[in-house]
C-alpha cells in the first residue's frame, strides 16, 4: 500500500470490503493497490510529519493512477490506541506496523471478544471474493483479517507468514503475519 510509511507506529485498516467481479487476481496481484478488495482505507499515524508524507504519497499515487478513483484513503493524525477518536468496529482488515509492546496494547482494541456483536454489514456478494479472503468466513459469520509487519502477536497463532522483500535493503526479508479473528 503506497501510503504506509516507515514509521514505527503505523496502523491502517479498510472497511466496506468490495468484490471485484471483473478480475481473476492471483495472490501476488492482490497485494497490488490496484487489485484490492477494499474501497475505503483509513491510515492512523501519530507523527504529523509522517501524516503529511503519507498524504503526499497518496496524491502522487493517485496522479500516477496507482490508486483507483473509487478508492477512498484518509490519513488521521492520532494515537491508534485512542478509541475516542478511532472506531475499529467496522474494520474488516487491519494492518499494524507496531513493536511488540504496541501490539500488546492495541490487541484488546482490534481483537474482538467472542461475545462481541458484529457491527459490520452482511454482504452476500462475498462468493466472488478469492478463496484466500473467503476462507476467513464461517457460514454467515465473518472475521476480521489482521496483518502485522515485523512483529507477531504474542500467544496467538497466525494463519500465514510471508517474507516481504524491500527494494531499499537488498537481501533483506521482513516477516508479515496474517491472522483471522472471528467477529
C-alpha atoms as a PDB file:
ATOM      1  CA  UNK A   1       0.000   0.000   0.000  1.00  0.00           C
ATOM      2  CA  UNK A   2       1.706   3.190  -1.087  1.00  0.00           C
ATOM      3  CA  UNK A   3       0.701   5.345   1.880  1.00  0.00           C
ATOM      4  CA  UNK A   4       2.238   3.249   4.644  1.00  0.00           C
ATOM      5  CA  UNK A   5       5.335   4.984   5.928  1.00  0.00           C
ATOM      6  CA  UNK A   6       8.429   3.614   7.606  1.00  0.00           C
ATOM      7  CA  UNK A   7       7.280   4.883  10.982  1.00  0.00           C
ATOM      8  CA  UNK A   8       7.423   2.509  13.913  1.00  0.00           C
ATOM      9  CA  UNK A   9       3.805   3.169  14.811  1.00  0.00           C
ATOM     10  CA  UNK A  10       1.550   2.944  11.785  1.00  0.00           C
ATOM     11  CA  UNK A  11      -1.889   1.410  11.800  1.00  0.00           C
ATOM     12  CA  UNK A  12      -4.260   1.272   8.886  1.00  0.00           C
ATOM     13  CA  UNK A  13      -7.446  -0.528   8.108  1.00  0.00           C
ATOM     14  CA  UNK A  14     -10.041  -0.891   5.437  1.00  0.00           C
ATOM     15  CA  UNK A  15     -13.737  -1.286   5.793  1.00  0.00           C
ATOM     16  CA  UNK A  16     -16.557  -1.921   3.348  1.00  0.00           C
ATOM     17  CA  UNK A  17     -14.903  -4.837   1.550  1.00  0.00           C
ATOM     18  CA  UNK A  18     -15.722  -4.822  -2.110  1.00  0.00           C
ATOM     19  CA  UNK A  19     -15.770  -7.695  -4.536  1.00  0.00           C
ATOM     20  CA  UNK A  20     -14.116  -7.316  -7.894  1.00  0.00           C
ATOM     21  CA  UNK A  21     -16.147  -9.356 -10.371  1.00  0.00           C
ATOM     22  CA  UNK A  22     -14.019  -8.398 -13.382  1.00  0.00           C
ATOM     23  CA  UNK A  23     -10.776  -9.727 -12.012  1.00  0.00           C
ATOM     24  CA  UNK A  24      -9.071 -13.080 -11.880  1.00  0.00           C
ATOM     25  CA  UNK A  25      -6.364 -11.958  -9.484  1.00  0.00           C
ATOM     26  CA  UNK A  26      -3.636 -14.221  -8.267  1.00  0.00           C
ATOM     27  CA  UNK A  27      -2.441 -13.773  -4.703  1.00  0.00           C
ATOM     28  CA  UNK A  28       0.540 -11.746  -5.918  1.00  0.00           C
ATOM     29  CA  UNK A  29      -1.824  -9.403  -7.768  1.00  0.00           C
ATOM     30  CA  UNK A  30      -3.999  -8.998  -4.700  1.00  0.00           C
ATOM     31  CA  UNK A  31      -1.239  -7.162  -2.882  1.00  0.00           C
ATOM     32  CA  UNK A  32      -1.211  -4.525  -5.618  1.00  0.00           C
ATOM     33  CA  UNK A  33      -3.064  -1.341  -4.671  1.00  0.00           C
ATOM     34  CA  UNK A  34      -4.965  -1.502  -7.965  1.00  0.00           C
ATOM     35  CA  UNK A  35      -6.326  -5.037  -7.392  1.00  0.00           C
ATOM     36  CA  UNK A  36      -7.516  -4.942  -3.799  1.00  0.00           C
ATOM     37  CA  UNK A  37     -10.980  -5.685  -2.440  1.00  0.00           C
ATOM     38  CA  UNK A  38     -11.354  -2.733  -0.118  1.00  0.00           C
ATOM     39  CA  UNK A  39     -12.783   0.564  -1.211  1.00  0.00           C
ATOM     40  CA  UNK A  40     -12.113   2.622   1.897  1.00  0.00           C
ATOM     41  CA  UNK A  41      -8.779   2.889   3.695  1.00  0.00           C
ATOM     42  CA  UNK A  42      -8.079   4.802   6.870  1.00  0.00           C
ATOM     43  CA  UNK A  43      -4.488   5.305   7.968  1.00  0.00           C
ATOM     44  CA  UNK A  44      -3.619   6.290  11.525  1.00  0.00           C
ATOM     45  CA  UNK A  45      -0.264   7.878  12.250  1.00  0.00           C
ATOM     46  CA  UNK A  46       0.807   9.678  15.410  1.00  0.00           C
ATOM     47  CA  UNK A  47       3.523  11.814  13.774  1.00  0.00           C
ATOM     48  CA  UNK A  48       2.249  14.942  11.931  1.00  0.00           C
ATOM     49  CA  UNK A  49       5.301  14.828   9.629  1.00  0.00           C
ATOM     50  CA  UNK A  50       4.554  11.217   8.643  1.00  0.00           C
ATOM     51  CA  UNK A  51       0.889  12.106   8.080  1.00  0.00           C
ATOM     52  CA  UNK A  52       1.910  14.786   5.577  1.00  0.00           C
ATOM     53  CA  UNK A  53       4.360  12.358   3.938  1.00  0.00           C
ATOM     54  CA  UNK A  54       1.608   9.724   3.635  1.00  0.00           C
ATOM     55  CA  UNK A  55      -0.879  12.234   2.195  1.00  0.00           C
ATOM     56  CA  UNK A  56       1.726  13.378  -0.323  1.00  0.00           C
ATOM     57  CA  UNK A  57       2.389   9.752  -1.307  1.00  0.00           C
ATOM     58  CA  UNK A  58      -1.356   9.216  -1.800  1.00  0.00           C
ATOM     59  CA  UNK A  59      -1.693  12.315  -4.000  1.00  0.00           C
ATOM     60  CA  UNK A  60       1.273  11.174  -6.084  1.00  0.00           C
ATOM     61  CA  UNK A  61      -0.066   7.613  -6.395  1.00  0.00           C
ATOM     62  CA  UNK A  62      -3.473   8.944  -7.491  1.00  0.00           C
ATOM     63  CA  UNK A  63      -1.798  11.237 -10.045  1.00  0.00           C
ATOM     64  CA  UNK A  64       0.054   8.184 -11.406  1.00  0.00           C
ATOM     65  CA  UNK A  65      -3.194   6.132 -11.496  1.00  0.00           C
ATOM     66  CA  UNK A  66      -1.798   3.658  -8.971  1.00  0.00           C
ATOM     67  CA  UNK A  67      -4.898   4.060  -6.811  1.00  0.00           C
ATOM     68  CA  UNK A  68      -8.311   3.518  -8.452  1.00  0.00           C
ATOM     69  CA  UNK A  69     -10.603   6.547  -8.472  1.00  0.00           C
ATOM     70  CA  UNK A  70     -13.302   4.700  -6.469  1.00  0.00           C
ATOM     71  CA  UNK A  71     -10.916   4.133  -3.562  1.00  0.00           C
ATOM     72  CA  UNK A  72     -11.102   6.491  -0.594  1.00  0.00           C
ATOM     73  CA  UNK A  73      -7.971   6.938   1.526  1.00  0.00           C
ATOM     74  CA  UNK A  74      -7.920   9.079   4.637  1.00  0.00           C
ATOM     75  CA  UNK A  75      -4.951   9.608   6.944  1.00  0.00           C
ATOM     76  CA  UNK A  76      -5.756  10.578  10.524  1.00  0.00           C
ATOM     77  CA  UNK A  77      -3.144  12.100  12.807  1.00  0.00           C
ATOM     78  CA  UNK A  78      -3.906  10.345  16.073  1.00  0.00           C
ATOM     79  CA  UNK A  79      -2.767   7.739  18.531  1.00  0.00           C
ATOM     80  CA  UNK A  80      -4.061   4.367  17.252  1.00  0.00           C
ATOM     81  CA  UNK A  81      -4.927   3.461  20.860  1.00  0.00           C
ATOM     82  CA  UNK A  82      -7.292   6.424  21.279  1.00  0.00           C
ATOM     83  CA  UNK A  83     -10.722   4.809  20.900  1.00  0.00           C
ATOM     84  CA  UNK A  84     -12.429   8.184  21.402  1.00  0.00           C
ATOM     85  CA  UNK A  85     -11.005   9.172  18.002  1.00  0.00           C
ATOM     86  CA  UNK A  86     -10.672   5.818  16.199  1.00  0.00           C
ATOM     87  CA  UNK A  87     -13.600   3.416  15.684  1.00  0.00           C
ATOM     88  CA  UNK A  88     -12.349  -0.026  14.651  1.00  0.00           C
ATOM     89  CA  UNK A  89     -15.790  -1.673  14.793  1.00  0.00           C
ATOM     90  CA  UNK A  90     -16.356  -1.573  11.005  1.00  0.00           C
ATOM     91  CA  UNK A  91     -12.804  -2.584  10.099  1.00  0.00           C
ATOM     92  CA  UNK A  92     -12.586  -5.770   8.059  1.00  0.00           C
ATOM     93  CA  UNK A  93      -8.819  -5.668   7.509  1.00  0.00           C
ATOM     94  CA  UNK A  94      -6.305  -4.063   9.856  1.00  0.00           C
ATOM     95  CA  UNK A  95      -2.602  -3.614   9.076  1.00  0.00           C
ATOM     96  CA  UNK A  96      -0.334  -2.914  12.041  1.00  0.00           C
ATOM     97  CA  UNK A  97       3.297  -1.856  11.993  1.00  0.00           C
ATOM     98  CA  UNK A  98       3.982  -1.787  15.703  1.00  0.00           C
ATOM     99  CA  UNK A  99       6.668  -3.050  18.046  1.00  0.00           C
ATOM    100  CA  UNK A 100       5.642  -5.970  20.320  1.00  0.00           C
ATOM    101  CA  UNK A 101       4.658  -3.608  23.166  1.00  0.00           C
ATOM    102  CA  UNK A 102       2.382  -1.686  20.778  1.00  0.00           C
ATOM    103  CA  UNK A 103       0.770  -4.935  19.626  1.00  0.00           C
ATOM    104  CA  UNK A 104       0.095  -5.901  23.261  1.00  0.00           C
ATOM    105  CA  UNK A 105      -1.540  -2.512  23.876  1.00  0.00           C
ATOM    106  CA  UNK A 106      -3.715  -2.483  20.743  1.00  0.00           C
ATOM    107  CA  UNK A 107      -4.754  -6.146  20.836  1.00  0.00           C
ATOM    108  CA  UNK A 108      -7.769  -5.651  23.165  1.00  0.00           C
ATOM    109  CA  UNK A 109      -8.993  -2.909  20.805  1.00  0.00           C
ATOM    110  CA  UNK A 110      -8.691  -4.689  17.437  1.00  0.00           C
ATOM    111  CA  UNK A 111      -9.203  -8.296  18.572  1.00  0.00           C
ATOM    112  CA  UNK A 112     -12.984  -8.675  19.144  1.00  0.00           C
ATOM    113  CA  UNK A 113     -14.081 -10.799  22.044  1.00  0.00           C
ATOM    114  CA  UNK A 114     -16.078 -13.953  21.205  1.00  0.00           C
ATOM    115  CA  UNK A 115     -19.308 -12.457  22.596  1.00  0.00           C
ATOM    116  CA  UNK A 116     -18.854  -9.023  20.975  1.00  0.00           C
ATOM    117  CA  UNK A 117     -21.600  -8.248  18.420  1.00  0.00           C
ATOM    118  CA  UNK A 118     -20.640  -7.934  14.761  1.00  0.00           C
ATOM    119  CA  UNK A 119     -21.278  -4.350  13.685  1.00  0.00           C
ATOM    120  CA  UNK A 120     -20.247  -4.860  10.049  1.00  0.00           C
ATOM    121  CA  UNK A 121     -22.870  -5.100   7.324  1.00  0.00           C
ATOM    122  CA  UNK A 122     -23.699  -8.550   5.975  1.00  0.00           C
ATOM    123  CA  UNK A 123     -22.750  -8.830   2.333  1.00  0.00           C
ATOM    124  CA  UNK A 124     -23.951 -11.759   0.262  1.00  0.00           C
ATOM    125  CA  UNK A 125     -21.649 -10.826  -2.629  1.00  0.00           C
ATOM    126  CA  UNK A 126     -18.670 -12.478  -0.922  1.00  0.00           C
ATOM    127  CA  UNK A 127     -18.965 -15.523  -3.210  1.00  0.00           C
ATOM    128  CA  UNK A 128     -16.849 -13.809  -5.906  1.00  0.00           C
ATOM    129  CA  UNK A 129     -14.048 -12.957  -3.481  1.00  0.00           C
ATOM    130  CA  UNK A 130     -10.894 -15.078  -3.964  1.00  0.00           C
ATOM    131  CA  UNK A 131     -10.572 -18.122  -1.712  1.00  0.00           C
ATOM    132  CA  UNK A 132      -7.646 -16.569   0.196  1.00  0.00           C
ATOM    133  CA  UNK A 133     -10.052 -13.928   1.516  1.00  0.00           C
ATOM    134  CA  UNK A 134     -13.165 -16.118   1.656  1.00  0.00           C
ATOM    135  CA  UNK A 135     -11.527 -18.651   3.973  1.00  0.00           C
ATOM    136  CA  UNK A 136     -11.975 -16.077   6.700  1.00  0.00           C
ATOM    137  CA  UNK A 137     -15.736 -16.713   6.687  1.00  0.00           C
ATOM    138  CA  UNK A 138     -17.500 -19.488   8.563  1.00  0.00           C
ATOM    139  CA  UNK A 139     -21.100 -19.738   7.468  1.00  0.00           C
ATOM    140  CA  UNK A 140     -22.663 -16.288   7.779  1.00  0.00           C
ATOM    141  CA  UNK A 141     -20.131 -15.285  10.409  1.00  0.00           C
ATOM    142  CA  UNK A 142     -17.309 -13.124   9.046  1.00  0.00           C
ATOM    143  CA  UNK A 143     -13.966 -12.488  10.573  1.00  0.00           C
ATOM    144  CA  UNK A 144     -11.531  -9.627  10.668  1.00  0.00           C
ATOM    145  CA  UNK A 145      -8.177 -10.029   8.938  1.00  0.00           C
ATOM    146  CA  UNK A 146      -5.297  -8.533  10.898  1.00  0.00           C
ATOM    147  CA  UNK A 147      -1.875  -8.222   9.321  1.00  0.00           C
ATOM    148  CA  UNK A 148       1.207  -7.370  11.322  1.00  0.00           C
ATOM    149  CA  UNK A 149       4.533  -6.323   9.865  1.00  0.00           C
ATOM    150  CA  UNK A 150       7.796  -7.246  11.566  1.00  0.00           C
ATOM    151  CA  UNK A 151       6.319  -8.498  14.854  1.00  0.00           C
ATOM    152  CA  UNK A 152       3.721 -11.201  15.543  1.00  0.00           C
ATOM    153  CA  UNK A 153       1.082 -11.098  18.265  1.00  0.00           C
ATOM    154  CA  UNK A 154       2.364 -12.981  21.308  1.00  0.00           C
ATOM    155  CA  UNK A 155       0.459 -16.169  22.197  1.00  0.00           C
ATOM    156  CA  UNK A 156      -1.656 -16.107  19.011  1.00  0.00           C
ATOM    157  CA  UNK A 157      -1.472 -18.478  16.086  1.00  0.00           C
ATOM    158  CA  UNK A 158      -1.185 -16.800  12.708  1.00  0.00           C
ATOM    159  CA  UNK A 159      -2.843 -18.195   9.566  1.00  0.00           C
ATOM    160  CA  UNK A 160       0.019 -17.329   7.268  1.00  0.00           C
ATOM    161  CA  UNK A 161       3.508 -15.866   7.390  1.00  0.00           C
ATOM    162  CA  UNK A 162       5.332 -14.453   4.395  1.00  0.00           C
ATOM    163  CA  UNK A 163       8.571 -12.580   3.949  1.00  0.00           C
ATOM    164  CA  UNK A 164       8.467  -9.119   2.435  1.00  0.00           C
ATOM    165  CA  UNK A 165      11.457  -8.077   0.348  1.00  0.00           C
ATOM    166  CA  UNK A 166      12.151  -4.369   0.211  1.00  0.00           C
ATOM    167  CA  UNK A 167      13.960  -2.561  -2.593  1.00  0.00           C
ATOM    168  CA  UNK A 168      15.992  -0.268  -0.351  1.00  0.00           C
ATOM    169  CA  UNK A 169      17.581  -3.167   1.593  1.00  0.00           C
ATOM    170  CA  UNK A 170      18.996  -5.717  -0.828  1.00  0.00           C
ATOM    171  CA  UNK A 171      18.764  -9.235   0.577  1.00  0.00           C
ATOM    172  CA  UNK A 172      16.547  -8.243   3.493  1.00  0.00           C
ATOM    173  CA  UNK A 173      13.257 -10.041   4.045  1.00  0.00           C
ATOM    174  CA  UNK A 174      10.876  -8.918   6.776  1.00  0.00           C
ATOM    175  CA  UNK A 175       8.037 -11.071   8.150  1.00  0.00           C
ATOM    176  CA  UNK A 176       4.367 -10.288   7.566  1.00  0.00           C
ATOM    177  CA  UNK A 177       1.802 -12.244   9.623  1.00  0.00           C
ATOM    178  CA  UNK A 178      -1.876 -12.804   8.795  1.00  0.00           C
ATOM    179  CA  UNK A 179      -4.473 -13.522  11.490  1.00  0.00           C
ATOM    180  CA  UNK A 180      -8.170 -14.367  11.068  1.00  0.00           C
ATOM    181  CA  UNK A 181     -10.195 -13.177  14.024  1.00  0.00           C
ATOM    182  CA  UNK A 182     -13.808 -14.318  14.314  1.00  0.00           C
ATOM    183  CA  UNK A 183     -16.241 -11.418  14.661  1.00  0.00           C
END
